[in-house]
Amino acid sequence: MIETVRKLGGKVAIVTGAASGIGRAAAAQFHADGGRVLAVDVQGDALHSGDGFAALEQDVSAPGAAEAI
């Protein structure tokens, strides 16, 4: 039996713009490769959360927003 190595196991990514497009694809790929993801976007209703995947509705262009994360 060959064991699949999850190359990003134990790693955490904060992905902004994660509700659509490149951000969504990056978050999904990171998670598929074994990483845990904090998905951040101003469109919070378009984000999902689950095992190893957390969602945060935040406008990171606002002053102080990055520090709040």
PDB file of N, CA and C in Angstrom:
ATOM      1  N   MET A   1       0.845  -1.173   0.000  1.00  0.00           N
ATOM      2  CA  MET A   1       0.000   0.000   0.000  1.00  0.00           C
ATOM      3  C   MET A   1       0.892   1.239   0.000  1.00  0.00           C
ATOM      4  N   ILE A   2       0.573   2.198  -0.854  1.00  0.00           N
ATOM      5  CA  ILE A   2       1.318   3.449  -0.936  1.00  0.00           C
ATOM      6  C   ILE A   2       0.557   4.511  -0.158  1.00  0.00           C
ATOM      7  N   GLU A   3       1.269   5.148   0.774  1.00  0.00           N
ATOM      8  CA  GLU A   3       0.653   6.192   1.581  1.00  0.00           C
ATOM      9  C   GLU A   3       0.843   7.544   0.888  1.00  0.00           C
ATOM     10  N   THR A   4      -0.230   8.278   0.755  1.00  0.00           N
ATOM     11  CA  THR A   4      -0.158   9.602   0.148  1.00  0.00           C
ATOM     12  C   THR A   4       0.384  10.588   1.169  1.00  0.00           C
ATOM     13  N   VAL A   5       1.415  11.305   0.795  1.00  0.00           N
ATOM     14  CA  VAL A   5       1.995  12.308   1.678  1.00  0.00           C
ATOM     15  C   VAL A   5       1.303  13.634   1.404  1.00  0.00           C
ATOM     16  N   ARG A   6       0.763  14.216   2.436  1.00  0.00           N
ATOM     17  CA  ARG A   6       0.119  15.516   2.297  1.00  0.00           C
ATOM     18  C   ARG A   6       1.187  16.555   2.569  1.00  0.00           C
ATOM     19  N   LYS A   7       1.707  17.127   1.511  1.00  0.00           N
ATOM     20  CA  LYS A   7       2.899  17.962   1.601  1.00  0.00           C
ATOM     21  C   LYS A   7       2.760  19.226   2.435  1.00  0.00           C
ATOM     22  N   LEU A   8       1.560  19.651   2.724  1.00  0.00           N
ATOM     23  CA  LEU A   8       1.379  20.864   3.520  1.00  0.00           C
ATOM     24  C   LEU A   8       0.791  20.578   4.894  1.00  0.00           C
ATOM     25  N   GLY A   9       0.779  19.340   5.310  1.00  0.00           N
ATOM     26  CA  GLY A   9       0.275  18.976   6.624  1.00  0.00           C
ATOM     27  C   GLY A   9       0.998  19.753   7.710  1.00  0.00           C
ATOM     28  N   GLY A  10       0.262  20.273   8.675  1.00  0.00           N
ATOM     29  CA  GLY A  10       0.845  21.035   9.756  1.00  0.00           C
ATOM     30  C   GLY A  10       1.054  22.505   9.452  1.00  0.00           C
ATOM     31  N   LYS A  11       0.778  22.920   8.232  1.00  0.00           N
ATOM     32  CA  LYS A  11       0.941  24.322   7.827  1.00  0.00           C
ATOM     33  C   LYS A  11      -0.410  25.032   7.864  1.00  0.00           C
ATOM     34  N   VAL A  12      -0.372  26.342   8.057  1.00  0.00           N
ATOM     35  CA  VAL A  12      -1.586  27.160   8.082  1.00  0.00           C
ATOM     36  C   VAL A  12      -1.418  28.320   7.110  1.00  0.00           C
ATOM     37  N   ALA A  13      -2.453  28.585   6.320  1.00  0.00           N
ATOM     38  CA  ALA A  13      -2.435  29.721   5.390  1.00  0.00           C
ATOM     39  C   ALA A  13      -3.595  30.651   5.693  1.00  0.00           C
ATOM     40  N   ILE A  14      -3.329  31.932   5.627  1.00  0.00           N
ATOM     41  CA  ILE A  14      -4.387  32.937   5.657  1.00  0.00           C
ATOM     42  C   ILE A  14      -4.522  33.420   4.222  1.00  0.00           C
ATOM     43  N   VAL A  15      -5.668  33.150   3.619  1.00  0.00           N
ATOM     44  CA  VAL A  15      -5.887  33.494   2.209  1.00  0.00           C
ATOM     45  C   VAL A  15      -6.930  34.595   2.140  1.00  0.00           C
ATOM     46  N   THR A  16      -6.522  35.767   1.648  1.00  0.00           N
ATOM     47  CA  THR A  16      -7.468  36.862   1.465  1.00  0.00           C
ATOM     48  C   THR A  16      -8.035  36.791   0.056  1.00  0.00           C
ATOM     49  N   GLY A  17      -9.233  37.324  -0.116  1.00  0.00           N
ATOM     50  CA  GLY A  17      -9.900  37.236  -1.409  1.00  0.00           C
ATOM     51  C   GLY A  17     -10.343  35.813  -1.703  1.00  0.00           C
ATOM     52  N   ALA A  18     -10.652  35.063  -0.648  1.00  0.00           N
ATOM     53  CA  ALA A  18     -10.909  33.633  -0.772  1.00  0.00           C
ATOM     54  C   ALA A  18     -12.324  33.265  -1.201  1.00  0.00           C
ATOM     55  N   ALA A  19     -13.181  34.250  -1.434  1.00  0.00           N
ATOM     56  CA  ALA A  19     -14.554  33.934  -1.815  1.00  0.00           C
ATOM     57  C   ALA A  19     -14.700  33.576  -3.286  1.00  0.00           C
ATOM     58  N   SER A  20     -13.724  33.986  -4.111  1.00  0.00           N
ATOM     59  CA  SER A  20     -13.845  33.706  -5.548  1.00  0.00           C
ATOM     60  C   SER A  20     -12.482  33.771  -6.222  1.00  0.00           C
ATOM     61  N   GLY A  21     -12.457  33.354  -7.462  1.00  0.00           N
ATOM     62  CA  GLY A  21     -11.286  33.493  -8.315  1.00  0.00           C
ATOM     63  C   GLY A  21     -10.037  32.797  -7.806  1.00  0.00           C
ATOM     64  N   ILE A  22      -8.910  33.486  -7.968  1.00  0.00           N
ATOM     65  CA  ILE A  22      -7.617  32.918  -7.597  1.00  0.00           C
ATOM     66  C   ILE A  22      -7.543  32.633  -6.104  1.00  0.00           C
ATOM     67  N   GLY A  23      -8.100  33.524  -5.280  1.00  0.00           N
ATOM     68  CA  GLY A  23      -8.085  33.309  -3.835  1.00  0.00           C
ATOM     69  C   GLY A  23      -8.808  32.043  -3.433  1.00  0.00           C
ATOM     70  N   ARG A  24      -9.963  31.811  -4.040  1.00  0.00           N
ATOM     71  CA  ARG A  24     -10.738  30.601  -3.739  1.00  0.00           C
ATOM     72  C   ARG A  24      -9.971  29.354  -4.188  1.00  0.00           C
ATOM     73  N   ALA A  25      -9.377  29.420  -5.373  1.00  0.00           N
ATOM     74  CA  ALA A  25      -8.618  28.288  -5.895  1.00  0.00           C
ATOM     75  C   ALA A  25      -7.393  28.003  -5.030  1.00  0.00           C
ATOM     76  N   ALA A  26      -6.699  29.059  -4.599  1.00  0.00           N
ATOM     77  CA  ALA A  26      -5.519  28.881  -3.754  1.00  0.00           C
ATOM     78  C   ALA A  26      -5.892  28.255  -2.421  1.00  0.00           C
ATOM     79  N   ALA A  27      -6.970  28.728  -1.817  1.00  0.00           N
ATOM     80  CA  ALA A  27      -7.418  28.175  -0.537  1.00  0.00           C
ATOM     81  C   ALA A  27      -7.796  26.696  -0.684  1.00  0.00           C
ATOM     82  N   ALA A  28      -8.508  26.381  -1.744  1.00  0.00           N
ATOM     83  CA  ALA A  28      -8.927  24.994  -1.975  1.00  0.00           C
ATOM     84  C   ALA A  28      -7.730  24.077  -2.202  1.00  0.00           C
ATOM     85  N   GLN A  29      -6.743  24.543  -2.969  1.00  0.00           N
ATOM     86  CA  GLN A  29      -5.564  23.720  -3.241  1.00  0.00           C
ATOM     87  C   GLN A  29      -4.716  23.525  -1.986  1.00  0.00           C
ATOM     88  N   PHE A  30      -4.549  24.572  -1.233  1.00  0.00           N
ATOM     89  CA  PHE A  30      -3.787  24.475   0.008  1.00  0.00           C
ATOM     90  C   PHE A  30      -4.430  23.447   0.931  1.00  0.00           C
ATOM     91  N   HIS A  31      -5.754  23.520   1.047  1.00  0.00           N
ATOM     92  CA  HIS A  31      -6.483  22.571   1.892  1.00  0.00           C
ATOM     93  C   HIS A  31      -6.378  21.153   1.339  1.00  0.00           C
ATOM     94  N   ALA A  32      -6.493  21.000   0.042  1.00  0.00           N
ATOM     95  CA  ALA A  32      -6.396  19.675  -0.585  1.00  0.00           C
ATOM     96  C   ALA A  32      -5.016  19.055  -0.360  1.00  0.00           C
ATOM     97  N   ASP A  33      -3.994  19.893  -0.231  1.00  0.00           N
ATOM     98  CA  ASP A  33      -2.635  19.409   0.007  1.00  0.00           C
ATOM     99  C   ASP A  33      -2.327  19.211   1.481  1.00  0.00           C
ATOM    100  N   GLY A  34      -3.353  19.298   2.326  1.00  0.00           N
ATOM    101  CA  GLY A  34      -3.189  18.970   3.738  1.00  0.00           C
ATOM    102  C   GLY A  34      -3.043  20.135   4.676  1.00  0.00           C
ATOM    103  N   GLY A  35      -3.045  21.361   4.163  1.00  0.00           N
ATOM    104  CA  GLY A  35      -2.905  22.529   5.031  1.00  0.00           C
ATOM    105  C   GLY A  35      -4.229  22.945   5.649  1.00  0.00           C
ATOM    106  N   ARG A  36      -4.123  23.716   6.719  1.00  0.00           N
ATOM    107  CA  ARG A  36      -5.311  24.323   7.322  1.00  0.00           C
ATOM    108  C   ARG A  36      -5.422  25.738   6.783  1.00  0.00           C
ATOM    109  N   VAL A  37      -6.647  26.215   6.591  1.00  0.00           N
ATOM    110  CA  VAL A  37      -6.866  27.491   5.897  1.00  0.00           C
ATOM    111  C   VAL A  37      -7.780  28.401   6.707  1.00  0.00           C
ATOM    112  N   LEU A  38      -7.383  29.676   6.801  1.00  0.00           N
ATOM    113  CA  LEU A  38      -8.277  30.730   7.244  1.00  0.00           C
ATOM    114  C   LEU A  38      -8.614  31.525   5.993  1.00  0.00           C
ATOM    115  N   ALA A  39      -9.833  31.378   5.503  1.00  0.00           N
ATOM    116  CA  ALA A  39     -10.304  32.047   4.290  1.00  0.00           C
ATOM    117  C   ALA A  39     -10.939  33.374   4.691  1.00  0.00           C
ATOM    118  N   VAL A  40     -10.425  34.460   4.129  1.00  0.00           N
ATOM    119  CA  VAL A  40     -10.882  35.804   4.484  1.00  0.00           C
ATOM    120  C   VAL A  40     -11.399  36.509   3.235  1.00  0.00           C
ATOM    121  N   ASP A  41     -12.560  37.152   3.359  1.00  0.00           N
ATOM    122  CA  ASP A  41     -13.100  37.925   2.237  1.00  0.00           C
ATOM    123  C   ASP A  41     -14.176  38.865   2.755  1.00  0.00           C
ATOM    124  N   VAL A  42     -14.377  39.952   2.037  1.00  0.00           N
ATOM    125  CA  VAL A  42     -15.440  40.896   2.370  1.00  0.00           C
ATOM    126  C   VAL A  42     -16.814  40.263   2.112  1.00  0.00           C
ATOM    127  N   GLN A  43     -16.865  39.280   1.225  1.00  0.00           N
ATOM    128  CA  GLN A  43     -18.111  38.562   0.918  1.00  0.00           C
ATOM    129  C   GLN A  43     -18.191  37.306   1.788  1.00  0.00           C
ATOM    130  N   GLY A  44     -18.441  37.509   3.053  1.00  0.00           N
ATOM    131  CA  GLY A  44     -18.443  36.406   4.007  1.00  0.00           C
ATOM    132  C   GLY A  44     -19.441  35.310   3.702  1.00  0.00           C
ATOM    133  N   ASP A  45     -20.575  35.659   3.096  1.00  0.00           N
ATOM    134  CA  ASP A  45     -21.589  34.651   2.787  1.00  0.00           C
ATOM    135  C   ASP A  45     -21.139  33.700   1.685  1.00  0.00           C
ATOM    136  N   ALA A  46     -20.093  34.060   0.939  1.00  0.00           N
ATOM    137  CA  ALA A  46     -19.584  33.195  -0.131  1.00  0.00           C
ATOM    138  C   ALA A  46     -18.488  32.255   0.362  1.00  0.00           C
ATOM    139  N   LEU A  47     -18.088  32.400   1.626  1.00  0.00           N
ATOM    140  CA  LEU A  47     -17.043  31.550   2.195  1.00  0.00           C
ATOM    141  C   LEU A  47     -17.673  30.325   2.841  1.00  0.00           C
ATOM    142  N   HIS A  48     -16.902  29.258   2.943  1.00  0.00           N
ATOM    143  CA  HIS A  48     -17.381  28.089   3.667  1.00  0.00           C
ATOM    144  C   HIS A  48     -16.347  27.715   4.712  1.00  0.00           C
ATOM    145  N   SER A  49     -16.794  26.982   5.712  1.00  0.00           N
ATOM    146  CA  SER A  49     -15.866  26.505   6.726  1.00  0.00           C
ATOM    147  C   SER A  49     -16.165  25.041   6.984  1.00  0.00           C
ATOM    148  N   GLY A  50     -15.225  24.370   7.560  1.00  0.00           N
ATOM    149  CA  GLY A  50     -15.365  22.955   7.847  1.00  0.00           C
ATOM    150  C   GLY A  50     -14.067  22.437   8.425  1.00  0.00           C
ATOM    151  N   ASP A  51     -13.844  21.156   8.323  1.00  0.00           N
ATOM    152  CA  ASP A  51     -12.660  20.524   8.880  1.00  0.00           C
ATOM    153  C   ASP A  51     -11.387  21.135   8.282  1.00  0.00           C
ATOM    154  N   GLY A  52     -10.626  21.861   9.092  1.00  0.00           N
ATOM    155  CA  GLY A  52      -9.390  22.464   8.630  1.00  0.00           C
ATOM    156  C   GLY A  52      -9.571  23.719   7.806  1.00  0.00           C
ATOM    157  N   PHE A  53     -10.788  24.226   7.757  1.00  0.00           N
ATOM    158  CA  PHE A  53     -11.118  25.379   6.918  1.00  0.00           C
ATOM    159  C   PHE A  53     -11.974  26.335   7.736  1.00  0.00           C
ATOM    160  N   ALA A  54     -11.444  27.508   8.079  1.00  0.00           N
ATOM    161  CA  ALA A  54     -12.206  28.503   8.835  1.00  0.00           C
ATOM    162  C   ALA A  54     -12.465  29.705   7.943  1.00  0.00           C
ATOM    163  N   ALA A  55     -13.575  30.395   8.175  1.00  0.00           N
ATOM    164  CA  ALA A  55     -13.949  31.546   7.355  1.00  0.00           C
ATOM    165  C   ALA A  55     -14.075  32.787   8.225  1.00  0.00           C
ATOM    166  N   LEU A  56     -13.670  33.916   7.667  1.00  0.00           N
ATOM    167  CA  LEU A  56     -13.765  35.191   8.363  1.00  0.00           C
ATOM    168  C   LEU A  56     -14.182  36.261   7.366  1.00  0.00           C
ATOM    169  N   GLU A  57     -15.288  36.959   7.664  1.00  0.00           N
ATOM    170  CA  GLU A  57     -15.717  38.073   6.820  1.00  0.00           C
ATOM    171  C   GLU A  57     -14.965  39.315   7.283  1.00  0.00           C
ATOM    172  N   GLN A  58     -14.120  39.842   6.406  1.00  0.00           N
ATOM    173  CA  GLN A  58     -13.285  40.988   6.767  1.00  0.00           C
ATOM    174  C   GLN A  58     -12.881  41.726   5.504  1.00  0.00           C
ATOM    175  N   ASP A  59     -12.895  43.055   5.550  1.00  0.00           N
ATOM    176  CA  ASP A  59     -12.395  43.883   4.459  1.00  0.00           C
ATOM    177  C   ASP A  59     -10.956  44.236   4.793  1.00  0.00           C
ATOM    178  N   VAL A  60     -10.008  43.526   4.213  1.00  0.00           N
ATOM    179  CA  VAL A  60      -8.602  43.724   4.575  1.00  0.00           C
ATOM    180  C   VAL A  60      -8.018  45.026   4.016  1.00  0.00           C
ATOM    181  N   SER A  61      -8.788  45.760   3.207  1.00  0.00           N
ATOM    182  CA  SER A  61      -8.309  47.046   2.725  1.00  0.00           C
ATOM    183  C   SER A  61      -8.579  48.159   3.726  1.00  0.00           C
ATOM    184  N   ALA A  62      -9.393  47.872   4.731  1.00  0.00           N
ATOM    185  CA  ALA A  62      -9.713  48.870   5.745  1.00  0.00           C
ATOM    186  C   ALA A  62      -8.540  49.041   6.726  1.00  0.00           C
ATOM    187  N   PRO A  63      -8.300  50.261   7.188  1.00  0.00           N
ATOM    188  CA  PRO A  63      -7.212  50.470   8.144  1.00  0.00           C
ATOM    189  C   PRO A  63      -7.370  49.592   9.389  1.00  0.00           C
ATOM    190  N   GLY A  64      -6.309  48.935   9.776  1.00  0.00           N
ATOM    191  CA  GLY A  64      -6.328  48.091  10.961  1.00  0.00           C
ATOM    192  C   GLY A  64      -6.894  46.709  10.747  1.00  0.00           C
ATOM    193  N   ALA A  65      -7.414  46.421   9.570  1.00  0.00           N
ATOM    194  CA  ALA A  65      -8.062  45.128   9.333  1.00  0.00           C
ATOM    195  C   ALA A  65      -7.085  43.969   9.414  1.00  0.00           C
ATOM    196  N   ALA A  66      -5.912  44.120   8.834  1.00  0.00           N
ATOM    197  CA  ALA A  66      -4.934  43.033   8.860  1.00  0.00           C
ATOM    198  C   ALA A  66      -4.522  42.705  10.279  1.00  0.00           C
ATOM    199  N   GLU A  67      -4.364  43.718  11.105  1.00  0.00           N
ATOM    200  CA  GLU A  67      -4.007  43.480  12.499  1.00  0.00           C
ATOM    201  C   GLU A  67      -5.115  42.757  13.250  1.00  0.00           C
ATOM    202  N   ALA A  68      -6.360  42.993  12.851  1.00  0.00           N
ATOM    203  CA  ALA A  68      -7.495  42.348  13.509  1.00  0.00           C
ATOM    204  C   ALA A  68      -7.557  40.863  13.239  1.00  0.00           C
ATOM    205  N   ILE A  69      -6.999  40.451  12.107  1.00  0.00           N
ATOM    206  CA  ILE A  69      -7.024  39.036  11.759  1.00  0.00           C
ATOM    207  C   ILE A  69      -6.079  38.292  12.669  1.00  0.00           C
TER     208      ILE A  69
END
